[in-house]
């Protein structure tokens, strides 16, 4: 069971990294072409903040899963 949890956590981490790379690329392209990064439909600043918050939560869950596997709780 712990192996499945670890596989799900690893997959979520990979998705988080890929989405972060895409968000930063879109933000840098918008900046390079001097486009607005915030607007009524899409706000890249809020998207990056949400991505960082998701990373913090994902990191805590990953550490908790590894702690569970190491200690056998």
PDB file of N, CA and C in Angstrom:
ATOM      1  N   UNK A   1       0.818  -1.199   0.000  1.00  0.00           N
ATOM      2  CA  UNK A   1       0.000   0.000   0.000  1.00  0.00           C
ATOM      3  C   UNK A   1       0.858   1.258   0.000  1.00  0.00           C
ATOM      4  N   UNK A   2       1.957   1.247   0.757  1.00  0.00           N
ATOM      5  CA  UNK A   2       2.820   2.423   0.807  1.00  0.00           C
ATOM      6  C   UNK A   2       3.478   2.684  -0.534  1.00  0.00           C
ATOM      7  N   UNK A   3       3.743   1.632  -1.280  1.00  0.00           N
ATOM      8  CA  UNK A   3       4.339   1.809  -2.595  1.00  0.00           C
ATOM      9  C   UNK A   3       3.413   2.562  -3.535  1.00  0.00           C
ATOM     10  N   UNK A   4       2.112   2.268  -3.449  1.00  0.00           N
ATOM     11  CA  UNK A   4       1.145   2.985  -4.287  1.00  0.00           C
ATOM     12  C   UNK A   4       1.065   4.446  -3.891  1.00  0.00           C
ATOM     13  N   UNK A   5       1.092   4.717  -2.591  1.00  0.00           N
ATOM     14  CA  UNK A   5       1.048   6.109  -2.127  1.00  0.00           C
ATOM     15  C   UNK A   5       2.278   6.871  -2.602  1.00  0.00           C
ATOM     16  N   UNK A   6       3.430   6.219  -2.540  1.00  0.00           N
ATOM     17  CA  UNK A   6       4.662   6.866  -2.975  1.00  0.00           C
ATOM     18  C   UNK A   6       4.640   7.123  -4.479  1.00  0.00           C
ATOM     19  N   UNK A   7       4.086   6.200  -5.246  1.00  0.00           N
ATOM     20  CA  UNK A   7       3.983   6.382  -6.690  1.00  0.00           C
ATOM     21  C   UNK A   7       3.042   7.538  -7.027  1.00  0.00           C
ATOM     22  N   UNK A   8       1.947   7.652  -6.307  1.00  0.00           N
ATOM     23  CA  UNK A   8       1.017   8.766  -6.526  1.00  0.00           C
ATOM     24  C   UNK A   8       1.683  10.093  -6.161  1.00  0.00           C
ATOM     25  N   UNK A   9       2.414  10.112  -5.045  1.00  0.00           N
ATOM     26  CA  UNK A   9       3.107  11.338  -4.632  1.00  0.00           C
ATOM     27  C   UNK A   9       4.177  11.729  -5.647  1.00  0.00           C
ATOM     28  N   UNK A  10       4.900  10.755  -6.177  1.00  0.00           N
ATOM     29  CA  UNK A  10       5.922  11.052  -7.184  1.00  0.00           C
ATOM     30  C   UNK A  10       5.285  11.584  -8.465  1.00  0.00           C
ATOM     31  N   UNK A  11       4.171  10.997  -8.872  1.00  0.00           N
ATOM     32  CA  UNK A  11       3.464  11.483 -10.057  1.00  0.00           C
ATOM     33  C   UNK A  11       2.949  12.895  -9.875  1.00  0.00           C
ATOM     34  N   UNK A  12       2.417  13.183  -8.682  1.00  0.00           N
ATOM     35  CA  UNK A  12       1.928  14.534  -8.398  1.00  0.00           C
ATOM     36  C   UNK A  12       3.073  15.537  -8.410  1.00  0.00           C
ATOM     37  N   UNK A  13       4.231  15.138  -7.910  1.00  0.00           N
ATOM     38  CA  UNK A  13       5.395  16.025  -7.913  1.00  0.00           C
ATOM     39  C   UNK A  13       5.858  16.314  -9.337  1.00  0.00           C
ATOM     40  N   UNK A  14       5.860  15.303 -10.176  1.00  0.00           N
ATOM     41  CA  UNK A  14       6.257  15.494 -11.579  1.00  0.00           C
ATOM     42  C   UNK A  14       5.278  16.440 -12.280  1.00  0.00           C
ATOM     43  N   UNK A  15       3.986  16.251 -12.054  1.00  0.00           N
ATOM     44  CA  UNK A  15       2.984  17.141 -12.649  1.00  0.00           C
ATOM     45  C   UNK A  15       3.169  18.568 -12.138  1.00  0.00           C
ATOM     46  N   UNK A  16       3.489  18.714 -10.844  1.00  0.00           N
ATOM     47  CA  UNK A  16       3.716  20.033 -10.263  1.00  0.00           C
ATOM     48  C   UNK A  16       4.912  20.726 -10.924  1.00  0.00           C
ATOM     49  N   UNK A  17       5.982  19.988 -11.142  1.00  0.00           N
ATOM     50  CA  UNK A  17       7.179  20.562 -11.765  1.00  0.00           C
ATOM     51  C   UNK A  17       6.891  20.964 -13.211  1.00  0.00           C
ATOM     52  N   UNK A  18       6.222  20.102 -13.963  1.00  0.00           N
ATOM     53  CA  UNK A  18       5.914  20.411 -15.363  1.00  0.00           C
ATOM     54  C   UNK A  18       5.005  21.631 -15.454  1.00  0.00           C
ATOM     55  N   UNK A  19       3.987  21.695 -14.599  1.00  0.00           N
ATOM     56  CA  UNK A  19       3.092  22.860 -14.642  1.00  0.00           C
ATOM     57  C   UNK A  19       3.836  24.131 -14.242  1.00  0.00           C
ATOM     58  N   UNK A  20       4.776  24.029 -13.322  1.00  0.00           N
ATOM     59  CA  UNK A  20       5.572  25.192 -12.938  1.00  0.00           C
ATOM     60  C   UNK A  20       6.452  25.685 -14.064  1.00  0.00           C
ATOM     61  N   UNK A  21       7.061  24.762 -14.783  1.00  0.00           N
ATOM     62  CA  UNK A  21       7.887  25.149 -15.931  1.00  0.00           C
ATOM     63  C   UNK A  21       7.030  25.849 -16.972  1.00  0.00           C
ATOM     64  N   UNK A  22       5.850  25.307 -17.234  1.00  0.00           N
ATOM     65  CA  UNK A  22       4.950  25.943 -18.210  1.00  0.00           C
ATOM     66  C   UNK A  22       4.504  27.326 -17.741  1.00  0.00           C
ATOM     67  N   UNK A  23       4.165  27.462 -16.465  1.00  0.00           N
ATOM     68  CA  UNK A  23       3.750  28.769 -15.955  1.00  0.00           C
ATOM     69  C   UNK A  23       4.864  29.799 -16.068  1.00  0.00           C
ATOM     70  N   UNK A  24       6.089  29.401 -15.705  1.00  0.00           N
ATOM     71  CA  UNK A  24       7.204  30.338 -15.782  1.00  0.00           C
ATOM     72  C   UNK A  24       7.549  30.692 -17.225  1.00  0.00           C
ATOM     73  N   UNK A  25       7.401  29.732 -18.147  1.00  0.00           N
ATOM     74  CA  UNK A  25       7.652  30.022 -19.560  1.00  0.00           C
ATOM     75  C   UNK A  25       6.620  31.004 -20.101  1.00  0.00           C
ATOM     76  N   UNK A  26       5.362  30.795 -19.751  1.00  0.00           N
ATOM     77  CA  UNK A  26       4.315  31.712 -20.208  1.00  0.00           C
ATOM     78  C   UNK A  26       4.548  33.101 -19.628  1.00  0.00           C
ATOM     79  N   UNK A  27       4.916  33.163 -18.349  1.00  0.00           N
ATOM     80  CA  UNK A  27       5.173  34.467 -17.719  1.00  0.00           C
ATOM     81  C   UNK A  27       6.371  35.161 -18.351  1.00  0.00           C
ATOM     82  N   UNK A  28       7.421  34.411 -18.658  1.00  0.00           N
ATOM     83  CA  UNK A  28       8.600  35.038 -19.258  1.00  0.00           C
ATOM     84  C   UNK A  28       8.328  35.470 -20.700  1.00  0.00           C
ATOM     85  N   UNK A  29       7.543  34.681 -21.430  1.00  0.00           N
ATOM     86  CA  UNK A  29       7.173  35.091 -22.784  1.00  0.00           C
ATOM     87  C   UNK A  29       6.298  36.341 -22.755  1.00  0.00           C
ATOM     88  N   UNK A  30       5.366  36.396 -21.824  1.00  0.00           N
ATOM     89  CA  UNK A  30       4.515  37.581 -21.698  1.00  0.00           C
ATOM     90  C   UNK A  30       5.361  38.806 -21.364  1.00  0.00           C
ATOM     91  N   UNK A  31       6.343  38.609 -20.508  1.00  0.00           N
ATOM     92  CA  UNK A  31       7.222  39.711 -20.139  1.00  0.00           C
ATOM     93  C   UNK A  31       8.106  40.133 -21.323  1.00  0.00           C
ATOM     94  N   UNK A  32       8.574  39.164 -22.090  1.00  0.00           N
ATOM     95  CA  UNK A  32       9.439  39.474 -23.229  1.00  0.00           C
ATOM     96  C   UNK A  32       8.694  40.276 -24.296  1.00  0.00           C
ATOM     97  N   UNK A  33       7.432  39.968 -24.483  1.00  0.00           N
ATOM     98  CA  UNK A  33       6.636  40.684 -25.473  1.00  0.00           C
ATOM     99  C   UNK A  33       5.878  41.860 -24.867  1.00  0.00           C
ATOM    100  N   UNK A  34       6.207  42.187 -23.621  1.00  0.00           N
ATOM    101  CA  UNK A  34       5.610  43.303 -22.889  1.00  0.00           C
ATOM    102  C   UNK A  34       4.087  43.219 -22.838  1.00  0.00           C
ATOM    103  N   UNK A  35       3.600  42.006 -22.612  1.00  0.00           N
ATOM    104  CA  UNK A  35       2.165  41.793 -22.455  1.00  0.00           C
ATOM    105  C   UNK A  35       1.803  41.886 -20.981  1.00  0.00           C
ATOM    106  N   UNK A  36       0.571  42.165 -20.707  1.00  0.00           N
ATOM    107  CA  UNK A  36       0.115  42.230 -19.315  1.00  0.00           C
ATOM    108  C   UNK A  36       0.067  40.819 -18.737  1.00  0.00           C
ATOM    109  N   UNK A  37       0.571  40.682 -17.529  1.00  0.00           N
ATOM    110  CA  UNK A  37       0.530  39.374 -16.877  1.00  0.00           C
ATOM    111  C   UNK A  37      -0.659  39.244 -15.943  1.00  0.00           C
ATOM    112  N   UNK A  38      -1.486  40.257 -15.857  1.00  0.00           N
ATOM    113  CA  UNK A  38      -2.706  40.152 -15.062  1.00  0.00           C
ATOM    114  C   UNK A  38      -3.844  40.791 -15.828  1.00  0.00           C
ATOM    115  N   UNK A  39      -4.974  40.180 -15.733  1.00  0.00           N
ATOM    116  CA  UNK A  39      -6.137  40.688 -16.427  1.00  0.00           C
ATOM    117  C   UNK A  39      -7.397  40.091 -15.858  1.00  0.00           C
ATOM    118  N   UNK A  40      -8.532  40.423 -16.438  1.00  0.00           N
ATOM    119  CA  UNK A  40      -9.793  39.921 -15.886  1.00  0.00           C
ATOM    120  C   UNK A  40     -10.007  38.425 -16.116  1.00  0.00           C
ATOM    121  N   UNK A  41      -9.394  37.870 -17.161  1.00  0.00           N
ATOM    122  CA  UNK A  41      -9.614  36.457 -17.479  1.00  0.00           C
ATOM    123  C   UNK A  41      -8.519  35.584 -16.869  1.00  0.00           C
ATOM    124  N   UNK A  42      -7.278  35.953 -17.049  1.00  0.00           N
ATOM    125  CA  UNK A  42      -6.149  35.159 -16.568  1.00  0.00           C
ATOM    126  C   UNK A  42      -5.179  36.064 -15.825  1.00  0.00           C
ATOM    127  N   UNK A  43      -4.856  35.671 -14.625  1.00  0.00           N
ATOM    128  CA  UNK A  43      -3.909  36.423 -13.819  1.00  0.00           C
ATOM    129  C   UNK A  43      -2.730  35.503 -13.508  1.00  0.00           C
ATOM    130  N   UNK A  44      -1.613  35.714 -14.216  1.00  0.00           N
ATOM    131  CA  UNK A  44      -0.456  34.832 -14.041  1.00  0.00           C
ATOM    132  C   UNK A  44       0.153  34.948 -12.650  1.00  0.00           C
ATOM    133  N   UNK A  45       0.066  36.112 -12.050  1.00  0.00           N
ATOM    134  CA  UNK A  45       0.622  36.280 -10.712  1.00  0.00           C
ATOM    135  C   UNK A  45      -0.112  35.399  -9.708  1.00  0.00           C
ATOM    136  N   UNK A  46      -1.416  35.384  -9.774  1.00  0.00           N
ATOM    137  CA  UNK A  46      -2.201  34.527  -8.886  1.00  0.00           C
ATOM    138  C   UNK A  46      -1.953  33.047  -9.192  1.00  0.00           C
ATOM    139  N   UNK A  47      -1.776  32.731 -10.470  1.00  0.00           N
ATOM    140  CA  UNK A  47      -1.492  31.347 -10.850  1.00  0.00           C
ATOM    141  C   UNK A  47      -0.157  30.885 -10.265  1.00  0.00           C
ATOM    142  N   UNK A  48       0.842  31.746 -10.303  1.00  0.00           N
ATOM    143  CA  UNK A  48       2.140  31.382  -9.728  1.00  0.00           C
ATOM    144  C   UNK A  48       2.059  31.238  -8.216  1.00  0.00           C
ATOM    145  N   UNK A  49       1.279  32.103  -7.571  1.00  0.00           N
ATOM    146  CA  UNK A  49       1.092  31.984  -6.125  1.00  0.00           C
ATOM    147  C   UNK A  49       0.392  30.674  -5.768  1.00  0.00           C
ATOM    148  N   UNK A  50      -0.622  30.321  -6.526  1.00  0.00           N
ATOM    149  CA  UNK A  50      -1.332  29.060  -6.286  1.00  0.00           C
ATOM    150  C   UNK A  50      -0.409  27.866  -6.529  1.00  0.00           C
ATOM    151  N   UNK A  51       0.463  27.979  -7.541  1.00  0.00           N
ATOM    152  CA  UNK A  51       1.408  26.911  -7.828  1.00  0.00           C
ATOM    153  C   UNK A  51       2.391  26.736  -6.670  1.00  0.00           C
ATOM    154  N   UNK A  52       2.861  27.847  -6.113  1.00  0.00           N
ATOM    155  CA  UNK A  52       3.775  27.760  -4.967  1.00  0.00           C
ATOM    156  C   UNK A  52       3.088  27.155  -3.751  1.00  0.00           C
ATOM    157  N   UNK A  53       1.844  27.547  -3.487  1.00  0.00           N
ATOM    158  CA  UNK A  53       1.098  26.976  -2.373  1.00  0.00           C
ATOM    159  C   UNK A  53       0.887  25.483  -2.567  1.00  0.00           C
ATOM    160  N   UNK A  54       0.559  25.079  -3.787  1.00  0.00           N
ATOM    161  CA  UNK A  54       0.400  23.650  -4.072  1.00  0.00           C
ATOM    162  C   UNK A  54       1.711  22.908  -3.854  1.00  0.00           C
ATOM    163  N   UNK A  55       2.831  23.528  -4.193  1.00  0.00           N
ATOM    164  CA  UNK A  55       4.136  22.907  -3.965  1.00  0.00           C
ATOM    165  C   UNK A  55       4.450  22.725  -2.500  1.00  0.00           C
ATOM    166  N   UNK A  56       4.083  23.694  -1.681  1.00  0.00           N
ATOM    167  CA  UNK A  56       4.300  23.575  -0.238  1.00  0.00           C
ATOM    168  C   UNK A  56       3.467  22.422   0.321  1.00  0.00           C
ATOM    169  N   UNK A  57       2.197  22.368  -0.077  1.00  0.00           N
ATOM    170  CA  UNK A  57       1.323  21.294   0.401  1.00  0.00           C
ATOM    171  C   UNK A  57       1.830  19.939  -0.083  1.00  0.00           C
ATOM    172  N   UNK A  58       2.217  19.867  -1.334  1.00  0.00           N
ATOM    173  CA  UNK A  58       2.735  18.619  -1.895  1.00  0.00           C
ATOM    174  C   UNK A  58       4.019  18.191  -1.198  1.00  0.00           C
ATOM    175  N   UNK A  59       4.881  19.141  -0.888  1.00  0.00           N
ATOM    176  CA  UNK A  59       6.118  18.817  -0.174  1.00  0.00           C
ATOM    177  C   UNK A  59       5.847  18.263   1.210  1.00  0.00           C
ATOM    178  N   UNK A  60       4.889  18.846   1.915  1.00  0.00           N
ATOM    179  CA  UNK A  60       4.537  18.346   3.252  1.00  0.00           C
ATOM    180  C   UNK A  60       3.974  16.933   3.164  1.00  0.00           C
ATOM    181  N   UNK A  61       3.124  16.687   2.177  1.00  0.00           N
ATOM    182  CA  UNK A  61       2.563  15.344   1.999  1.00  0.00           C
ATOM    183  C   UNK A  61       3.662  14.348   1.636  1.00  0.00           C
ATOM    184  N   UNK A  62       4.591  14.729   0.775  1.00  0.00           N
ATOM    185  CA  UNK A  62       5.699  13.838   0.410  1.00  0.00           C
ATOM    186  C   UNK A  62       6.545  13.478   1.621  1.00  0.00           C
ATOM    187  N   UNK A  63       6.864  14.467   2.438  1.00  0.00           N
ATOM    188  CA  UNK A  63       7.658  14.198   3.643  1.00  0.00           C
ATOM    189  C   UNK A  63       6.888  13.304   4.601  1.00  0.00           C
ATOM    190  N   UNK A  64       5.580  13.537   4.742  1.00  0.00           N
ATOM    191  CA  UNK A  64       4.771  12.699   5.621  1.00  0.00           C
ATOM    192  C   UNK A  64       4.724  11.253   5.123  1.00  0.00           C
ATOM    193  N   UNK A  65       4.619  11.070   3.813  1.00  0.00           N
ATOM    194  CA  UNK A  65       4.610   9.707   3.267  1.00  0.00           C
ATOM    195  C   UNK A  65       5.955   9.018   3.466  1.00  0.00           C
ATOM    196  N   UNK A  66       7.039   9.742   3.243  1.00  0.00           N
ATOM    197  CA  UNK A  66       8.357   9.142   3.465  1.00  0.00           C
ATOM    198  C   UNK A  66       8.577   8.823   4.941  1.00  0.00           C
ATOM    199  N   UNK A  67       8.100   9.699   5.828  1.00  0.00           N
ATOM    200  CA  UNK A  67       8.205   9.446   7.262  1.00  0.00           C
ATOM    201  C   UNK A  67       7.395   8.200   7.626  1.00  0.00           C
ATOM    202  N   UNK A  68       6.218   8.051   7.034  1.00  0.00           N
ATOM    203  CA  UNK A  68       5.374   6.880   7.269  1.00  0.00           C
ATOM    204  C   UNK A  68       6.084   5.615   6.814  1.00  0.00           C
ATOM    205  N   UNK A  69       6.733   5.672   5.663  1.00  0.00           N
ATOM    206  CA  UNK A  69       7.439   4.488   5.162  1.00  0.00           C
ATOM    207  C   UNK A  69       8.664   4.168   6.021  1.00  0.00           C
ATOM    208  N   UNK A  70       9.353   5.199   6.505  1.00  0.00           N
ATOM    209  CA  UNK A  70      10.587   4.981   7.281  1.00  0.00           C
ATOM    210  C   UNK A  70      10.270   4.447   8.682  1.00  0.00           C
ATOM    211  N   UNK A  71       9.208   4.969   9.296  1.00  0.00           N
ATOM    212  CA  UNK A  71       8.920   4.589  10.682  1.00  0.00           C
ATOM    213  C   UNK A  71       7.875   3.492  10.784  1.00  0.00           C
ATOM    214  N   UNK A  72       7.104   3.261   9.717  1.00  0.00           N
ATOM    215  CA  UNK A  72       6.109   2.211   9.735  1.00  0.00           C
ATOM    216  C   UNK A  72       4.854   2.535  10.524  1.00  0.00           C
ATOM    217  N   UNK A  73       4.498   3.797  10.584  1.00  0.00           N
ATOM    218  CA  UNK A  73       3.285   4.165  11.322  1.00  0.00           C
ATOM    219  C   UNK A  73       2.054   3.643  10.672  1.00  0.00           C
TER     220      UNK A  73
END
